[in-house]
Amino acid sequence: MTPQPPARTAETYQERLGLPWWAWPASLLTGAILATELTLGVPELPAWLPYTVLLPLALVLIFPLGRLRVAVRDGEFLVDDARLPVAVIAGVVALDADGKREALGVGAHPHAFVVQRPWIGTAVQVLLDDPADPTPYWVISSRRPVELATTLLEVSRRERAAQAT
């Protein structure tokens, strides 16, 4: 019997914004090119040393880029270390590639909170209703923007209704 993934309820959502497959070989290629340049530029170094240092370093340096988590749980919208209570969410818009480009373009608000990954084409824009916070909205990259937007709207509406009563 195969283990079943945990069921997604209306109150939970989780996504990891990992790197695309091609980032790993590209990083190794960059490390190999730098190691070759160093080997050719400094002939007194042992030829193996730049490769043994720079190839693992190339992988270690890009590893954190693929560790970003986006989640909705316990009444909060979590993006890496940032936390947003869902009660202050006024609206959520799922953005396609053109919408993301427009949201991050020339007309973007300078106080907006943005966590975007260029290798992920879609995003969500979370509009805020918090007079104590100058941030008008968040723009967060997501591979499943419609699912994230739906979850945020459901949880936000439920939280606002609970606070109103």
C-alpha atoms as a PDB file:
ATOM      1  CA  MET A   1       0.000   0.000   0.000  1.00  0.00           C
ATOM      2  CA  THR A   2       1.470   3.353  -1.014  1.00  0.00           C
ATOM      3  CA  PRO A   3       1.382   6.223   1.468  1.00  0.00           C
ATOM      4  CA  GLN A   4      -1.167   8.881   0.608  1.00  0.00           C
ATOM      5  CA  PRO A   5      -0.189  12.562   0.634  1.00  0.00           C
ATOM      6  CA  PRO A   6      -1.895  14.613   3.319  1.00  0.00           C
ATOM      7  CA  ALA A   7      -5.247  15.927   2.154  1.00  0.00           C
ATOM      8  CA  ARG A   8      -5.353  19.648   1.455  1.00  0.00           C
ATOM      9  CA  THR A   9      -8.083  21.300   3.418  1.00  0.00           C
ATOM     10  CA  ALA A  10      -9.410  24.779   2.790  1.00  0.00           C
ATOM     11  CA  GLU A  11      -7.175  26.007   5.608  1.00  0.00           C
ATOM     12  CA  THR A  12      -3.846  24.640   4.436  1.00  0.00           C
ATOM     13  CA  TYR A  13      -1.638  25.144   1.435  1.00  0.00           C
ATOM     14  CA  GLN A  14       2.048  24.501   0.983  1.00  0.00           C
ATOM     15  CA  GLU A  15       4.421  24.953  -1.929  1.00  0.00           C
ATOM     16  CA  ARG A  16       8.161  24.980  -2.322  1.00  0.00           C
ATOM     17  CA  LEU A  17       9.566  27.326  -4.945  1.00  0.00           C
ATOM     18  CA  GLY A  18      12.389  25.077  -6.090  1.00  0.00           C
ATOM     19  CA  LEU A  19      14.901  25.649  -8.818  1.00  0.00           C
ATOM     20  CA  PRO A  20      14.306  24.331 -12.337  1.00  0.00           C
ATOM     21  CA  TRP A  21      16.290  21.256 -13.329  1.00  0.00           C
ATOM     22  CA  TRP A  22      18.598  23.221 -15.633  1.00  0.00           C
ATOM     23  CA  ALA A  23      19.898  25.450 -12.815  1.00  0.00           C
ATOM     24  CA  TRP A  24      21.993  22.629 -11.343  1.00  0.00           C
ATOM     25  CA  PRO A  25      23.980  21.766 -14.513  1.00  0.00           C
ATOM     26  CA  ALA A  26      24.302  25.481 -15.309  1.00  0.00           C
ATOM     27  CA  SER A  27      25.790  26.067 -11.874  1.00  0.00           C
ATOM     28  CA  LEU A  28      28.245  23.191 -12.333  1.00  0.00           C
ATOM     29  CA  LEU A  29      29.206  24.508 -15.770  1.00  0.00           C
ATOM     30  CA  THR A  30      29.845  27.965 -14.318  1.00  0.00           C
ATOM     31  CA  GLY A  31      31.987  26.444 -11.564  1.00  0.00           C
ATOM     32  CA  ALA A  32      33.941  24.395 -14.128  1.00  0.00           C
ATOM     33  CA  ILE A  33      34.585  27.451 -16.291  1.00  0.00           C
ATOM     34  CA  LEU A  34      35.814  29.449 -13.291  1.00  0.00           C
ATOM     35  CA  ALA A  35      38.006  26.538 -12.167  1.00  0.00           C
ATOM     36  CA  THR A  36      39.503  26.240 -15.666  1.00  0.00           C
ATOM     37  CA  GLU A  37      40.203  29.983 -15.767  1.00  0.00           C
ATOM     38  CA  LEU A  38      41.858  29.793 -12.368  1.00  0.00           C
ATOM     39  CA  THR A  39      43.915  26.747 -13.386  1.00  0.00           C
ATOM     40  CA  LEU A  40      45.122  28.502 -16.545  1.00  0.00           C
ATOM     41  CA  GLY A  41      45.696  31.831 -14.801  1.00  0.00           C
ATOM     42  CA  VAL A  42      47.640  30.484 -11.821  1.00  0.00           C
ATOM     43  CA  PRO A  43      49.864  27.650 -13.103  1.00  0.00           C
ATOM     44  CA  GLU A  44      51.579  27.107  -9.726  1.00  0.00           C
ATOM     45  CA  LEU A  45      48.286  25.825  -8.249  1.00  0.00           C
ATOM     46  CA  PRO A  46      47.694  22.071  -8.432  1.00  0.00           C
ATOM     47  CA  ALA A  47      45.305  21.514 -11.369  1.00  0.00           C
ATOM     48  CA  TRP A  48      42.783  19.575  -9.254  1.00  0.00           C
ATOM     49  CA  LEU A  49      42.434  22.187  -6.484  1.00  0.00           C
ATOM     50  CA  PRO A  50      40.173  24.766  -8.197  1.00  0.00           C
ATOM     51  CA  TYR A  51      37.813  22.002  -9.345  1.00  0.00           C
ATOM     52  CA  THR A  52      37.527  20.390  -5.926  1.00  0.00           C
ATOM     53  CA  VAL A  53      36.772  23.767  -4.358  1.00  0.00           C
ATOM     54  CA  LEU A  54      34.652  25.540  -6.985  1.00  0.00           C
ATOM     55  CA  LEU A  55      32.380  22.718  -8.193  1.00  0.00           C
ATOM     56  CA  PRO A  56      30.920  21.938  -4.741  1.00  0.00           C
ATOM     57  CA  LEU A  57      30.842  25.662  -3.965  1.00  0.00           C
ATOM     58  CA  ALA A  58      28.775  26.295  -7.100  1.00  0.00           C
ATOM     59  CA  LEU A  59      26.138  23.846  -5.860  1.00  0.00           C
ATOM     60  CA  VAL A  60      26.209  25.093  -2.281  1.00  0.00           C
ATOM     61  CA  LEU A  61      25.670  28.691  -3.417  1.00  0.00           C
ATOM     62  CA  ILE A  62      22.486  27.970  -5.384  1.00  0.00           C
ATOM     63  CA  PHE A  63      21.005  25.527  -2.863  1.00  0.00           C
ATOM     64  CA  PRO A  64      19.249  28.254  -0.780  1.00  0.00           C
ATOM     65  CA  LEU A  65      17.497  29.600  -3.893  1.00  0.00           C
ATOM     66  CA  GLY A  66      15.376  26.469  -4.090  1.00  0.00           C
ATOM     67  CA  ARG A  67      14.400  26.326  -0.416  1.00  0.00           C
ATOM     68  CA  LEU A  68      11.729  29.063  -0.327  1.00  0.00           C
ATOM     69  CA  ARG A  69       8.401  27.873   1.085  1.00  0.00           C
ATOM     70  CA  VAL A  70       4.970  29.424   0.624  1.00  0.00           C
ATOM     71  CA  ALA A  71       2.249  28.222   2.982  1.00  0.00           C
ATOM     72  CA  VAL A  72      -1.149  29.050   4.430  1.00  0.00           C
ATOM     73  CA  ARG A  73      -1.768  27.575   7.868  1.00  0.00           C
ATOM     74  CA  ASP A  74      -2.880  28.494  11.364  1.00  0.00           C
ATOM     75  CA  GLY A  75      -4.500  31.720  10.161  1.00  0.00           C
ATOM     76  CA  GLU A  76      -1.305  33.041   8.574  1.00  0.00           C
ATOM     77  CA  PHE A  77       0.138  33.408   5.098  1.00  0.00           C
ATOM     78  CA  LEU A  78       3.787  32.371   5.346  1.00  0.00           C
ATOM     79  CA  VAL A  79       6.393  33.269   2.728  1.00  0.00           C
ATOM     80  CA  ASP A  80       9.828  32.150   3.866  1.00  0.00           C
ATOM     81  CA  ASP A  81      10.251  34.074   7.161  1.00  0.00           C
ATOM     82  CA  ALA A  82       7.498  36.646   6.476  1.00  0.00           C
ATOM     83  CA  ARG A  83       4.137  36.154   8.191  1.00  0.00           C
ATOM     84  CA  LEU A  84       0.865  37.812   7.291  1.00  0.00           C
ATOM     85  CA  PRO A  85      -2.318  37.320   9.324  1.00  0.00           C
ATOM     86  CA  VAL A  86      -5.034  36.307   6.864  1.00  0.00           C
ATOM     87  CA  ALA A  87      -7.509  38.667   8.555  1.00  0.00           C
ATOM     88  CA  VAL A  88      -5.833  41.670   6.869  1.00  0.00           C
ATOM     89  CA  ILE A  89      -6.206  40.237   3.359  1.00  0.00           C
ATOM     90  CA  ALA A  90      -8.733  42.292   1.379  1.00  0.00           C
ATOM     91  CA  GLY A  91      -8.407  40.419  -1.912  1.00  0.00           C
ATOM     92  CA  VAL A  92      -6.225  38.052  -3.891  1.00  0.00           C
ATOM     93  CA  VAL A  93      -5.537  38.023  -7.621  1.00  0.00           C
ATOM     94  CA  ALA A  94      -3.933  35.088  -9.438  1.00  0.00           C
ATOM     95  CA  LEU A  95      -1.493  36.504 -11.993  1.00  0.00           C
ATOM     96  CA  ASP A  96      -0.381  34.921 -15.232  1.00  0.00           C
ATOM     97  CA  ALA A  97       3.011  35.817 -16.747  1.00  0.00           C
ATOM     98  CA  ASP A  98       1.743  39.092 -18.241  1.00  0.00           C
ATOM     99  CA  GLY A  99      -0.040  40.042 -15.028  1.00  0.00           C
ATOM    100  CA  LYS A 100       3.091  39.333 -13.004  1.00  0.00           C
ATOM    101  CA  ARG A 101       5.178  41.459 -15.347  1.00  0.00           C
ATOM    102  CA  GLU A 102       2.675  44.302 -15.030  1.00  0.00           C
ATOM    103  CA  ALA A 103       2.461  44.005 -11.221  1.00  0.00           C
ATOM    104  CA  LEU A 104       6.263  44.175 -10.942  1.00  0.00           C
ATOM    105  CA  GLY A 105       6.748  46.776 -13.670  1.00  0.00           C
ATOM    106  CA  VAL A 106       6.928  50.547 -13.759  1.00  0.00           C
ATOM    107  CA  GLY A 107       3.597  51.052 -11.995  1.00  0.00           C
ATOM    108  CA  ALA A 108       4.508  48.894  -8.993  1.00  0.00           C
ATOM    109  CA  HIS A 109       4.079  50.503  -5.589  1.00  0.00           C
ATOM    110  CA  PRO A 110       7.444  51.147  -3.893  1.00  0.00           C
ATOM    111  CA  HIS A 111       6.217  49.775  -0.544  1.00  0.00           C
ATOM    112  CA  ALA A 112       4.929  46.499  -1.969  1.00  0.00           C
ATOM    113  CA  PHE A 113       6.338  43.301  -0.505  1.00  0.00           C
ATOM    114  CA  VAL A 114       7.700  41.183  -3.363  1.00  0.00           C
ATOM    115  CA  VAL A 115       9.095  37.660  -3.324  1.00  0.00           C
ATOM    116  CA  GLN A 116       9.495  36.629  -6.927  1.00  0.00           C
ATOM    117  CA  ARG A 117      11.472  33.973  -8.685  1.00  0.00           C
ATOM    118  CA  PRO A 118      12.237  34.750 -12.335  1.00  0.00           C
ATOM    119  CA  TRP A 119      12.023  31.083 -13.329  1.00  0.00           C
ATOM    120  CA  ILE A 120       8.405  30.914 -12.111  1.00  0.00           C
ATOM    121  CA  GLY A 121       6.128  32.726 -14.543  1.00  0.00           C
ATOM    122  CA  THR A 122       2.991  33.037 -12.417  1.00  0.00           C
ATOM    123  CA  ALA A 123       2.256  34.735  -9.098  1.00  0.00           C
ATOM    124  CA  VAL A 124      -0.432  35.972  -6.741  1.00  0.00           C
ATOM    125  CA  GLN A 125      -1.082  39.548  -5.701  1.00  0.00           C
ATOM    126  CA  VAL A 126      -2.441  39.792  -2.164  1.00  0.00           C
ATOM    127  CA  LEU A 127      -4.206  43.097  -1.474  1.00  0.00           C
ATOM    128  CA  LEU A 128      -4.023  44.227   2.158  1.00  0.00           C
ATOM    129  CA  ASP A 129      -6.432  46.137   4.386  1.00  0.00           C
ATOM    130  CA  ASP A 130      -4.294  47.082   7.378  1.00  0.00           C
ATOM    131  CA  PRO A 131      -4.216  50.793   8.344  1.00  0.00           C
ATOM    132  CA  ALA A 132      -1.186  50.184  10.601  1.00  0.00           C
ATOM    133  CA  ASP A 133       0.909  48.800   7.727  1.00  0.00           C
ATOM    134  CA  PRO A 134       2.095  50.953   4.784  1.00  0.00           C
ATOM    135  CA  THR A 135       2.437  47.860   2.579  1.00  0.00           C
ATOM    136  CA  PRO A 136      -0.424  47.979   0.036  1.00  0.00           C
ATOM    137  CA  TYR A 137       0.027  44.462  -1.340  1.00  0.00           C
ATOM    138  CA  TRP A 138       2.245  41.415  -1.616  1.00  0.00           C
ATOM    139  CA  VAL A 139       3.330  39.853  -4.915  1.00  0.00           C
ATOM    140  CA  ILE A 140       4.474  36.261  -4.438  1.00  0.00           C
ATOM    141  CA  SER A 141       5.620  33.820  -7.116  1.00  0.00           C
ATOM    142  CA  SER A 142       3.636  30.595  -7.243  1.00  0.00           C
ATOM    143  CA  ARG A 143       3.450  27.640  -9.588  1.00  0.00           C
ATOM    144  CA  ARG A 144      -0.209  27.141  -8.572  1.00  0.00           C
ATOM    145  CA  PRO A 145      -1.535  30.714  -8.262  1.00  0.00           C
ATOM    146  CA  VAL A 146      -5.238  29.865  -8.632  1.00  0.00           C
ATOM    147  CA  GLU A 147      -5.084  27.265  -5.860  1.00  0.00           C
ATOM    148  CA  LEU A 148      -3.146  29.638  -3.581  1.00  0.00           C
ATOM    149  CA  ALA A 149      -5.516  32.538  -4.296  1.00  0.00           C
ATOM    150  CA  THR A 150      -8.558  30.353  -3.611  1.00  0.00           C
ATOM    151  CA  THR A 151      -7.121  29.110  -0.335  1.00  0.00           C
ATOM    152  CA  LEU A 152      -6.186  32.618   0.808  1.00  0.00           C
ATOM    153  CA  LEU A 153      -9.629  33.988  -0.032  1.00  0.00           C
ATOM    154  CA  GLU A 154     -11.440  31.133   1.770  1.00  0.00           C
ATOM    155  CA  VAL A 155      -9.315  31.405   4.899  1.00  0.00           C
ATOM    156  CA  SER A 156      -9.451  35.218   4.889  1.00  0.00           C
ATOM    157  CA  ARG A 157     -13.243  35.300   4.577  1.00  0.00           C
ATOM    158  CA  ARG A 158     -13.622  32.748   7.348  1.00  0.00           C
ATOM    159  CA  GLU A 159     -11.232  34.676   9.625  1.00  0.00           C
ATOM    160  CA  ARG A 160     -12.972  38.017   8.986  1.00  0.00           C
ATOM    161  CA  ALA A 161     -16.374  36.445   9.669  1.00  0.00           C
ATOM    162  CA  ALA A 162     -15.071  34.993  12.941  1.00  0.00           C
ATOM    163  CA  GLN A 163     -13.717  38.384  13.997  1.00  0.00           C
ATOM    164  CA  ALA A 164     -16.985  40.137  13.129  1.00  0.00           C
ATOM    165  CA  THR A 165     -18.983  37.889  15.467  1.00  0.00           C
END
